[in-house]
Protein backbone atom coordinates (compact mmCIF):
# COMPACT_ATOMS: atom_id res chain seq x y z
CA MET A 1 -26.65 32.19 -21.21
CA GLU A 2 -24.25 29.26 -20.99
CA THR A 3 -26.93 26.31 -21.68
CA ASN A 4 -27.79 28.10 -24.62
CA MET A 5 -24.56 27.44 -26.58
CA LEU A 6 -24.56 23.57 -25.42
CA ASN A 7 -28.33 22.80 -26.08
CA PRO A 8 -30.88 23.55 -28.81
CA MET A 9 -33.44 26.29 -27.54
CA PRO A 10 -36.17 24.37 -25.65
CA PRO A 11 -39.97 24.69 -26.00
CA ALA A 12 -40.85 28.12 -23.89
CA GLN A 13 -42.54 26.04 -21.70
CA LEU A 14 -39.67 24.26 -20.49
CA LYS A 15 -37.02 26.16 -18.53
CA VAL A 16 -33.61 24.67 -18.71
CA PRO A 17 -31.51 25.26 -15.53
CA GLU A 18 -28.04 26.81 -15.86
CA LYS A 19 -25.15 25.35 -15.30
CA PRO A 20 -24.46 24.53 -11.41
CA SER A 21 -22.28 26.77 -9.36
CA PHE A 22 -19.29 25.39 -8.01
CA LYS A 23 -20.28 26.13 -4.86
CA GLU A 24 -24.02 24.67 -5.15
CA ALA A 25 -22.47 21.17 -6.53
CA PHE A 26 -19.99 21.27 -3.78
CA LEU A 27 -22.60 21.42 -1.00
CA PHE A 28 -24.24 18.72 -2.55
CA TRP A 29 -21.36 16.47 -2.65
CA LEU A 30 -20.84 17.38 0.83
CA LYS A 31 -24.26 16.62 1.87
CA LEU A 32 -24.36 13.36 0.19
CA GLY A 33 -21.27 11.88 1.94
CA PHE A 34 -23.72 11.98 5.04
CA ILE A 35 -26.83 10.95 3.65
CA SER A 36 -25.85 7.91 1.36
CA PHE A 37 -27.24 4.98 3.05
CA GLY A 38 -28.37 1.74 1.68
CA GLY A 39 -25.45 0.52 -0.51
CA PRO A 40 -24.90 1.13 -4.08
CA ALA A 41 -28.59 1.04 -4.88
CA GLY A 42 -29.55 3.34 -2.24
CA GLN A 43 -26.82 5.84 -2.78
CA ILE A 44 -27.55 5.87 -6.70
CA ALA A 45 -31.28 6.40 -6.31
CA ILE A 46 -30.23 9.59 -4.14
CA MET A 47 -27.87 10.98 -6.81
CA HIS A 48 -30.86 10.34 -9.21
CA THR A 49 -33.35 11.99 -7.18
CA PHE A 50 -31.30 15.27 -6.62
CA ILE A 51 -29.35 15.42 -9.99
CA VAL A 52 -32.02 14.34 -12.41
CA GLU A 53 -35.28 14.85 -10.79
CA GLN A 54 -34.99 18.06 -8.65
CA LYS A 55 -32.00 19.96 -9.81
CA ARG A 56 -32.08 18.75 -13.80
CA TRP A 57 -28.56 19.15 -13.99
CA VAL A 58 -27.98 15.88 -16.00
CA SER A 59 -30.38 13.99 -18.04
CA ASP A 60 -31.77 10.30 -17.81
CA SER A 61 -29.53 9.35 -20.55
CA ARG A 62 -26.17 11.03 -19.61
CA PHE A 63 -26.70 9.56 -15.91
CA LEU A 64 -27.11 6.06 -17.36
CA HIS A 65 -24.63 6.33 -19.86
CA ALA A 66 -22.18 7.07 -16.89
CA LEU A 67 -23.93 4.32 -14.53
CA ASN A 68 -23.34 1.71 -17.44
CA TYR A 69 -19.51 2.46 -17.39
CA CYS A 70 -19.33 2.53 -13.85
CA MET A 71 -20.64 -0.70 -13.64
CA LEU A 72 -18.00 -2.24 -15.77
CA LEU A 73 -15.12 -1.09 -13.51
CA PRO A 74 -13.75 -2.64 -10.28
CA GLY A 75 -14.54 -0.96 -6.84
CA PRO A 76 -17.73 0.76 -5.56
CA GLU A 77 -19.78 1.96 -8.76
CA ALA A 78 -21.70 4.86 -6.52
CA GLN A 79 -18.61 6.37 -5.60
CA GLN A 80 -17.29 6.04 -9.07
CA LEU A 81 -20.48 7.47 -10.54
CA ALA A 82 -20.55 10.65 -8.39
CA THR A 83 -16.77 11.21 -9.30
CA TYR A 84 -17.98 10.79 -13.02
CA LEU A 85 -20.99 13.26 -12.47
CA GLY A 86 -18.74 15.94 -10.56
CA TRP A 87 -16.03 15.66 -13.55
CA LEU A 88 -19.01 16.12 -16.17
CA MET A 89 -20.34 19.32 -14.67
CA HIS A 90 -16.95 20.75 -13.31
CA GLY A 91 -13.79 19.03 -14.84
CA VAL A 92 -11.19 17.47 -12.64
CA ARG A 93 -11.95 19.54 -9.79
CA GLY A 94 -15.56 18.71 -9.72
CA GLY A 95 -14.92 14.95 -9.84
CA LEU A 96 -12.01 15.02 -7.20
CA VAL A 97 -14.47 17.18 -4.87
CA ALA A 98 -17.71 14.54 -5.75
CA GLY A 99 -15.37 11.38 -5.07
CA ILE A 100 -13.72 12.48 -2.25
CA PHE A 101 -16.65 13.87 0.19
CA PHE A 102 -18.49 10.69 -0.98
CA VAL A 103 -16.34 8.73 1.38
CA LEU A 104 -15.17 11.44 3.64
CA PRO A 105 -17.77 11.76 5.90
CA SER A 106 -18.11 8.05 6.39
CA VAL A 107 -14.15 7.59 6.90
CA PHE A 108 -14.52 9.89 10.32
CA ILE A 109 -17.85 8.46 11.29
CA LEU A 110 -16.63 4.79 11.05
CA LEU A 111 -13.13 6.07 12.67
CA GLY A 112 -15.09 7.20 15.64
CA LEU A 113 -17.22 4.20 15.69
CA SER A 114 -14.53 2.36 15.67
CA VAL A 115 -12.87 3.69 18.63
CA VAL A 116 -16.06 3.48 20.40
CA TYR A 117 -15.84 -0.44 19.48
CA VAL A 118 -12.40 -1.00 20.63
CA SER A 119 -13.27 1.28 23.94
CA PHE A 120 -16.21 0.72 25.16
CA GLY A 121 -18.18 -2.46 23.11
CA THR A 122 -21.35 -2.05 21.37
CA VAL A 123 -23.55 1.41 21.15
CA PRO A 124 -27.28 0.29 21.32
CA TRP A 125 -28.46 3.69 20.14
CA VAL A 126 -26.51 4.05 17.28
CA ALA A 127 -27.88 0.59 16.20
CA ALA A 128 -31.54 2.12 17.04
CA LEU A 129 -31.00 5.26 14.49
CA PHE A 130 -30.24 2.90 11.71
CA TYR A 131 -32.80 0.32 12.60
CA GLY A 132 -35.19 3.32 11.58
CA LEU A 133 -32.91 4.56 8.51
CA LYS A 134 -33.06 0.53 6.74
CA PRO A 135 -36.71 0.33 5.90
CA ALA A 136 -36.62 3.74 4.64
CA VAL A 137 -33.65 2.86 2.58
CA VAL A 138 -35.82 -0.10 0.95
CA ALA A 139 -38.08 2.37 0.03
CA ILE A 140 -35.74 4.42 -1.60
CA VAL A 141 -34.15 1.70 -3.79
CA ALA A 142 -37.76 0.43 -4.63
CA LEU A 143 -38.46 3.76 -5.81
CA ALA A 144 -35.39 4.34 -7.79
CA LEU A 145 -35.89 0.85 -9.47
CA PHE A 146 -39.17 1.98 -10.58
CA LYS A 147 -37.97 5.34 -12.10
CA ILE A 148 -34.73 3.83 -13.66
CA ALA A 149 -36.75 0.80 -14.92
CA GLY A 150 -39.44 2.99 -16.38
CA LYS A 151 -36.86 5.22 -18.26
CA SER A 152 -33.99 2.80 -19.27
CA LEU A 153 -36.20 -0.59 -20.51
CA LYS A 154 -37.05 0.35 -24.10
CA THR A 155 -37.55 -3.06 -26.05
CA TRP A 156 -38.91 -6.23 -24.92
CA LEU A 157 -35.26 -7.57 -24.96
CA HIS A 158 -34.45 -5.40 -22.32
CA TYR A 159 -37.30 -6.71 -20.30
CA VAL A 160 -35.85 -10.48 -20.68
CA LEU A 161 -32.67 -9.56 -19.70
CA VAL A 162 -33.63 -8.00 -16.66
CA ALA A 163 -35.65 -11.12 -15.78
CA MET A 164 -32.51 -13.33 -16.87
CA SER A 165 -29.83 -11.13 -14.45
CA PHE A 166 -32.23 -11.16 -11.65
CA LEU A 167 -32.59 -15.02 -11.82
CA CYS A 168 -28.80 -15.66 -12.28
CA LEU A 169 -27.94 -13.56 -9.31
CA PHE A 170 -31.00 -14.76 -6.79
CA VAL A 171 -31.40 -17.95 -7.74
CA PHE A 172 -28.20 -19.26 -9.29
CA LYS A 173 -25.54 -16.88 -7.36
CA VAL A 174 -23.60 -16.02 -10.45
CA PRO A 175 -20.99 -13.55 -9.86
CA PHE A 176 -22.25 -9.96 -11.01
CA PRO A 177 -19.35 -9.37 -13.19
CA LEU A 178 -19.97 -12.60 -15.05
CA ILE A 179 -23.91 -11.22 -15.51
CA ILE A 180 -22.28 -8.06 -16.84
CA LEU A 181 -19.69 -9.63 -19.28
CA GLY A 182 -22.55 -11.96 -20.31
CA ALA A 183 -24.94 -8.62 -21.03
CA VAL A 184 -22.09 -7.73 -23.22
CA GLY A 185 -21.50 -10.63 -24.88
CA VAL A 186 -25.18 -11.21 -25.65
CA ALA A 187 -25.79 -7.87 -27.03
CA LEU A 188 -22.77 -8.27 -29.36
CA VAL A 189 -23.74 -11.36 -30.80
CA LEU A 190 -27.41 -10.73 -31.09
CA ARG A 191 -26.54 -7.26 -32.41
CA LYS A 192 -24.75 -8.74 -35.35
CA ALA A 193 -27.10 -11.94 -36.05
CA LEU A 194 -30.54 -10.15 -35.42
CA PRO A 195 -30.23 -6.16 -35.37
CA ASP A 196 -33.84 -5.69 -35.62
CA LEU A 197 -34.19 -6.75 -31.81
CA PHE A 198 -32.58 -3.32 -30.87
CA GLN A 199 -35.07 -1.25 -32.80
CA GLU A 200 -36.21 0.84 -30.05
CA LYS A 201 -39.35 3.01 -30.41
CA GLU A 202 -38.97 6.38 -31.81
CA THR A 203 -38.29 9.13 -29.46
CA THR A 204 -41.73 11.12 -29.25
CA LYS A 205 -41.83 15.02 -29.25
CA LYS A 206 -42.42 15.06 -25.62
CA GLN A 207 -39.60 12.71 -24.58
CA ALA A 208 -37.57 14.98 -26.87
CA ASP A 209 -38.85 18.04 -25.34
CA ASP A 210 -37.97 16.58 -21.78
CA GLU A 211 -34.55 15.84 -22.53
CA GLN A 212 -33.58 19.30 -23.67
CA SER A 213 -34.66 20.74 -20.57
CA TYR A 214 -31.65 19.54 -18.41
CA PHE A 215 -28.52 21.46 -18.38
CA LEU A 216 -26.30 18.44 -19.80
CA ASN A 217 -28.57 16.30 -22.08
CA ALA A 218 -27.79 13.74 -24.98
CA GLN A 219 -27.43 16.93 -27.35
CA SER A 220 -24.85 18.41 -25.31
CA GLU A 221 -21.32 18.72 -26.46
CA VAL A 222 -18.87 16.26 -25.58
CA VAL A 223 -17.23 16.68 -22.35
CA GLY A 224 -13.87 16.06 -22.14
CA GLU A 225 -13.11 16.11 -25.65
CA GLY A 226 -9.60 17.95 -25.61
CA VAL A 227 -8.41 14.94 -23.07
CA SER A 228 -5.82 12.70 -25.39
CA LEU A 229 -4.25 9.57 -24.69
CA GLY A 230 -0.89 11.38 -23.51
CA ARG A 231 -3.01 13.14 -20.84
CA SER A 232 -4.44 9.91 -19.52
CA LEU A 233 -1.01 8.31 -19.47
CA PHE A 234 0.36 11.39 -17.53
CA ARG A 235 -2.76 11.14 -15.09
CA PHE A 236 -1.72 7.21 -14.73
CA GLY A 237 1.83 8.24 -13.70
CA ILE A 238 0.40 10.81 -11.12
CA THR A 239 -1.61 7.79 -9.88
CA LEU A 240 1.72 5.69 -9.56
CA ALA A 241 3.42 8.51 -7.91
CA LEU A 242 0.48 8.78 -5.34
CA TRP A 243 0.57 4.94 -4.92
CA ALA A 244 4.54 5.02 -4.17
CA LEU A 245 4.49 8.00 -1.74
CA PRO A 246 2.84 6.72 1.40
CA LEU A 247 4.74 3.61 0.72
CA ALA A 248 8.22 5.35 0.78
CA LEU A 249 7.26 7.18 3.89
CA PHE A 250 6.12 4.32 5.99
CA HIS A 251 9.90 2.83 4.37
CA LEU A 252 11.56 5.49 5.75
CA PHE A 253 9.91 6.41 8.94
CA THR A 254 8.85 3.11 10.55
CA HIS A 255 10.64 0.02 12.08
CA GLN A 256 7.37 -1.95 11.11
CA PHE A 257 7.66 -1.68 7.11
CA PRO A 258 6.70 -5.16 6.53
CA PHE A 259 3.34 -4.66 7.96
CA TRP A 260 2.37 -1.56 6.28
CA SER A 261 3.77 -3.22 2.77
CA ASN A 262 1.44 -5.82 3.56
CA LEU A 263 -1.18 -3.67 4.18
CA ILE A 264 -0.62 -1.60 1.17
CA GLY A 265 -0.39 -4.46 -1.12
CA PHE A 266 -3.31 -6.22 -0.26
CA PHE A 267 -5.50 -3.40 -0.10
CA THR A 268 -4.23 -2.52 -3.57
CA LYS A 269 -5.04 -6.16 -4.63
CA ALA A 270 -8.52 -5.74 -3.16
CA ALA A 271 -9.33 -2.49 -5.01
CA LEU A 272 -8.73 -3.89 -8.47
CA VAL A 273 -10.37 -7.13 -7.96
CA THR A 274 -13.91 -5.59 -6.63
CA PHE A 275 -16.07 -6.27 -9.31
CA GLY A 276 -19.42 -6.78 -8.10
CA GLY A 277 -19.10 -4.69 -5.14
CA ALA A 278 -18.04 -5.18 -1.47
CA TYR A 279 -20.22 -8.43 -1.05
CA ALA A 280 -18.04 -9.88 -3.64
CA VAL A 281 -14.94 -9.04 -2.17
CA LEU A 282 -15.68 -9.33 1.68
CA PRO A 283 -15.28 -13.17 1.73
CA TYR A 284 -11.84 -12.79 0.09
CA ALA A 285 -10.99 -9.84 2.43
CA ALA A 286 -12.15 -11.94 5.42
CA GLN A 287 -10.18 -15.02 5.00
CA VAL A 288 -7.02 -13.39 3.99
CA THR A 289 -6.87 -10.97 6.89
CA VAL A 290 -8.27 -13.05 9.52
CA GLU A 291 -6.98 -16.28 8.51
CA GLN A 292 -3.72 -15.60 6.75
CA PHE A 293 -2.36 -12.01 8.27
CA HIS A 294 -4.28 -12.30 11.57
CA TRP A 295 -4.92 -8.62 11.56
CA LEU A 296 -8.15 -9.14 13.43
CA SER A 297 -10.53 -12.06 14.47
CA LYS A 298 -13.42 -13.59 12.47
CA TYR A 299 -16.08 -12.14 15.34
CA GLN A 300 -14.29 -8.33 14.74
CA MET A 301 -15.00 -8.92 11.26
CA ILE A 302 -18.53 -9.66 11.43
CA ASP A 303 -18.63 -6.66 13.89
CA GLY A 304 -17.04 -4.64 11.10
CA LEU A 305 -19.83 -5.78 8.60
CA ALA A 306 -22.23 -4.29 10.93
CA LEU A 307 -20.61 -1.16 11.50
CA GLY A 308 -20.20 -0.33 7.74
CA GLU A 309 -23.85 -1.55 7.07
CA THR A 310 -25.07 1.03 9.71
CA THR A 311 -22.80 4.04 7.85
CA PRO A 312 -23.40 6.31 5.17
CA GLY A 313 -21.16 5.73 2.04
CA PRO A 314 -20.21 2.72 0.01
CA LEU A 315 -20.19 -0.81 2.00
CA ILE A 316 -16.64 -1.28 1.08
CA MET A 317 -15.81 1.07 3.73
CA VAL A 318 -15.76 -2.16 5.94
CA LEU A 319 -12.43 -2.52 4.64
CA ALA A 320 -11.11 0.77 6.42
CA PHE A 321 -12.54 -0.99 9.58
CA VAL A 322 -10.15 -3.81 8.96
CA GLY A 323 -7.26 -1.31 8.49
CA PHE A 324 -8.13 0.15 11.80
CA MET A 325 -8.14 -3.11 13.73
CA ALA A 326 -5.09 -4.39 11.73
CA GLY A 327 -3.16 -1.19 13.05
CA PHE A 328 -4.80 -1.31 16.74
CA ASN A 329 -3.73 -5.11 17.06
CA HIS A 330 -0.90 -4.75 15.64
CA TYR A 331 0.61 -2.17 17.72
CA GLY A 332 -0.55 -3.35 21.10
CA GLY A 333 -3.87 -1.54 21.14
CA SER A 334 -2.73 1.84 19.77
CA LEU A 335 -5.70 4.17 18.82
CA ALA A 336 -3.01 6.24 16.72
CA MET A 337 -1.80 3.39 14.75
CA GLY A 338 -5.69 2.12 14.44
CA ALA A 339 -6.56 5.75 12.88
CA LEU A 340 -3.47 5.56 10.65
CA GLY A 341 -4.38 2.11 9.25
CA LEU A 342 -7.92 3.08 8.48
CA PHE A 343 -6.70 6.22 6.63
CA THR A 344 -3.88 4.25 4.75
CA THR A 345 -6.77 1.60 3.75
CA THR A 346 -8.88 4.26 2.52
CA PHE A 347 -6.36 5.88 0.65
CA TYR A 348 -5.45 2.74 -1.40
CA THR A 349 -8.89 1.24 -1.46
CA PHE A 350 -10.38 4.56 -3.73
CA LEU A 351 -7.18 5.70 -5.50
CA PRO A 352 -7.71 3.46 -8.50
CA CYS A 353 -11.35 4.89 -8.52
CA PHE A 354 -10.44 7.98 -9.23
CA PHE A 355 -7.80 7.10 -12.10
CA PHE A 356 -10.53 4.73 -13.72
CA ILE A 357 -13.07 7.72 -13.94
CA LEU A 358 -10.73 10.89 -14.80
CA ALA A 359 -8.61 8.85 -17.31
CA GLY A 360 -11.41 7.04 -18.69
CA ALA A 361 -14.77 8.98 -18.72
CA PRO A 362 -13.20 11.36 -21.65
CA PHE A 363 -13.19 8.52 -23.88
CA ILE A 364 -16.54 6.95 -22.45
CA GLU A 365 -18.52 10.37 -23.22
CA ARG A 366 -17.06 10.25 -26.96
CA THR A 367 -19.06 6.74 -27.63
CA ARG A 368 -22.28 8.51 -26.76
CA GLY A 369 -23.00 9.08 -30.79
CA ASN A 370 -21.99 5.63 -31.45
CA VAL A 371 -25.04 3.43 -32.22
CA ALA A 372 -23.32 -0.05 -31.67
CA VAL A 373 -21.62 1.17 -28.22
CA GLN A 374 -25.14 2.60 -27.29
CA SER A 375 -26.97 -0.73 -28.02
CA VAL A 376 -24.54 -2.54 -25.92
CA LEU A 377 -24.51 -0.28 -22.77
CA GLY A 378 -28.33 -0.25 -23.03
CA MET A 379 -28.23 -4.20 -22.68
CA VAL A 380 -25.73 -3.53 -19.87
CA THR A 381 -28.27 -0.94 -18.41
CA ALA A 382 -31.02 -3.61 -18.32
CA ALA A 383 -28.83 -6.28 -16.70
CA VAL A 384 -27.97 -3.55 -13.94
CA VAL A 385 -31.84 -2.98 -13.53
CA GLY A 386 -31.86 -6.60 -12.91
CA VAL A 387 -28.93 -6.58 -10.29
CA VAL A 388 -30.92 -3.39 -8.61
CA LEU A 389 -34.17 -5.70 -8.50
CA ASN A 390 -31.97 -8.14 -6.71
CA LEU A 391 -30.38 -5.78 -4.26
CA THR A 392 -34.01 -4.78 -3.35
CA VAL A 393 -35.41 -8.14 -2.82
CA TYR A 394 -32.10 -9.26 -0.92
CA PHE A 395 -31.82 -5.89 1.16
CA GLY A 396 -35.82 -6.00 1.65
CA ALA A 397 -35.48 -9.40 3.04
CA VAL A 398 -32.80 -8.61 5.37
CA VAL A 399 -34.72 -5.88 6.65
CA LEU A 400 -38.02 -7.79 7.03
CA PHE A 401 -36.90 -10.89 8.21
CA PRO A 402 -33.52 -10.29 10.37
CA GLY A 403 -33.65 -13.86 11.97
CA GLY A 404 -34.31 -15.53 8.68
CA VAL A 405 -36.73 -15.75 6.18
CA SER A 406 -40.06 -16.71 8.25
CA TRP A 407 -43.49 -15.32 8.11
CA ALA A 408 -43.21 -15.64 12.23
CA ARG A 409 -40.16 -13.86 12.50
CA MET A 410 -41.38 -11.09 10.08
CA ASP A 411 -40.28 -7.27 11.60
CA GLY A 412 -43.55 -5.73 11.87
CA PHE A 413 -42.21 -2.15 12.51
CA ALA A 414 -39.92 -2.69 9.41
CA LEU A 415 -42.90 -3.45 7.19
CA LEU A 416 -45.11 -0.47 8.61
CA TRP A 417 -42.22 1.80 8.14
CA ILE A 418 -41.53 0.72 4.61
CA LEU A 419 -45.04 1.45 3.46
CA ILE A 420 -45.10 4.54 5.59
CA SER A 421 -41.72 5.80 3.48
CA LEU A 422 -43.14 4.61 0.20
CA LEU A 423 -46.52 6.57 0.90
CA ALA A 424 -44.69 9.66 2.19
CA MET A 425 -41.86 9.94 -0.25
CA TYR A 426 -44.06 8.60 -3.79
CA ARG A 427 -47.72 10.07 -2.97
CA PHE A 428 -46.79 13.27 -0.67
CA LYS A 429 -43.40 14.10 -1.76
CA VAL A 430 -41.84 14.40 1.13
CA GLY A 431 -38.03 15.15 0.62
CA MET A 432 -35.53 12.52 0.90
CA ILE A 433 -33.23 13.78 3.22
CA LEU A 434 -36.21 14.99 5.76
CA TRP A 435 -37.27 11.53 5.64
CA ILE A 436 -33.92 10.23 6.46
CA MET A 437 -33.93 12.07 9.58
CA LEU A 438 -37.44 11.31 10.39
CA SER A 439 -36.57 7.58 9.95
CA ALA A 440 -33.30 7.71 12.02
CA LEU A 441 -35.75 9.39 14.83
CA ALA A 442 -38.45 6.84 14.63
CA GLY A 443 -35.80 3.95 15.04
CA LEU A 444 -34.67 6.11 18.20
CA LEU A 445 -38.04 6.37 19.59
CA HIS A 446 -38.92 2.58 18.82
CA PHE A 447 -35.88 1.75 20.88
CA LEU A 448 -36.56 4.07 24.02
CA LEU A 449 -40.19 3.16 24.41
CA LEU A 450 -40.30 -0.61 23.57
């Protein structure tokens, strides 16, 4: 069996899963694209539940190692994590499938909603479906926070960093990239000055046995070991060619090339500066697209954010709505040009993400045995736990207090459904996908009956 070549033989009572077939992984990535609600925290939670806990394809240590790297990159970290995990299991084709299908369903859902938006206005029943989903997503994120914290926080220093990270974000509004850079800086300084602080508890036999019960675990061979700097540079060349091709086609076949060159230039820049996720880049995007290019109004930008919040996939897909409105408005209400603007924006928003993973992940994988690198990335993980805690509190407050934080304005249905969701998924082990569907149905029934 292939897993015997990769892992030491585990204890008899623990069965190591075989390498997932490409078809099995493909079906999961396709399904994930339709159920990935809740922003990055919710999406990471769904991947962790399925890939780590249920299927045991990837161990916690490998999952967190990949997550740490994705958190350091610009762009949507959940989409990049999906690409990384797909690459770990099935190479380049696995990474491409995972990354593409993470966003593809949301592209077409958002296209449909955008067409409805400009044609018919608001759609109350869609909002009703997602009204039920949002409390369930809060519960999913809270459970993920509990699980990830329990397995990744190994020293008291990690807990201190979690608290500092949370306070910096929640109280002092420190930008996310500065928090991650600060965690790296603190780790480098303390590792040199006080190395004993990084002394972790020895791995117990139970923990070691559990680690070996995954297909890919801490003892597995280094994935992508044959990738060289030359091959990564070759992939960079392919990325540049893919970036230039649509630009050349617009130059050759359109009379409105300045519009398309501005669109491509802006969203390329946005993709490279989105450290900290969508919330960090949206103010910048709104300022430029509304006030400088006049592609849409500020009210349309707000509506786009609402659409982005109620569709699966990364929240950065709001930029795809901006691209739709840019093409639609520039071409006098053309749905076809709106769709072209949406697809063009999506392509340039996510193209860099694939390069960062497919060219960089092989080198990151080689650091798994480096104790110094692991200790630094462990500090990054602790900072990330603080970020997820902040997201949990932030998202919970938005769902529970849609009119502003006030006990008089608290949404009773949202609170009740959060508690029911926690009980259903934690105590009674109701499947996440089934619960997502039931939650959407509950939101629709609430809308129809009240």
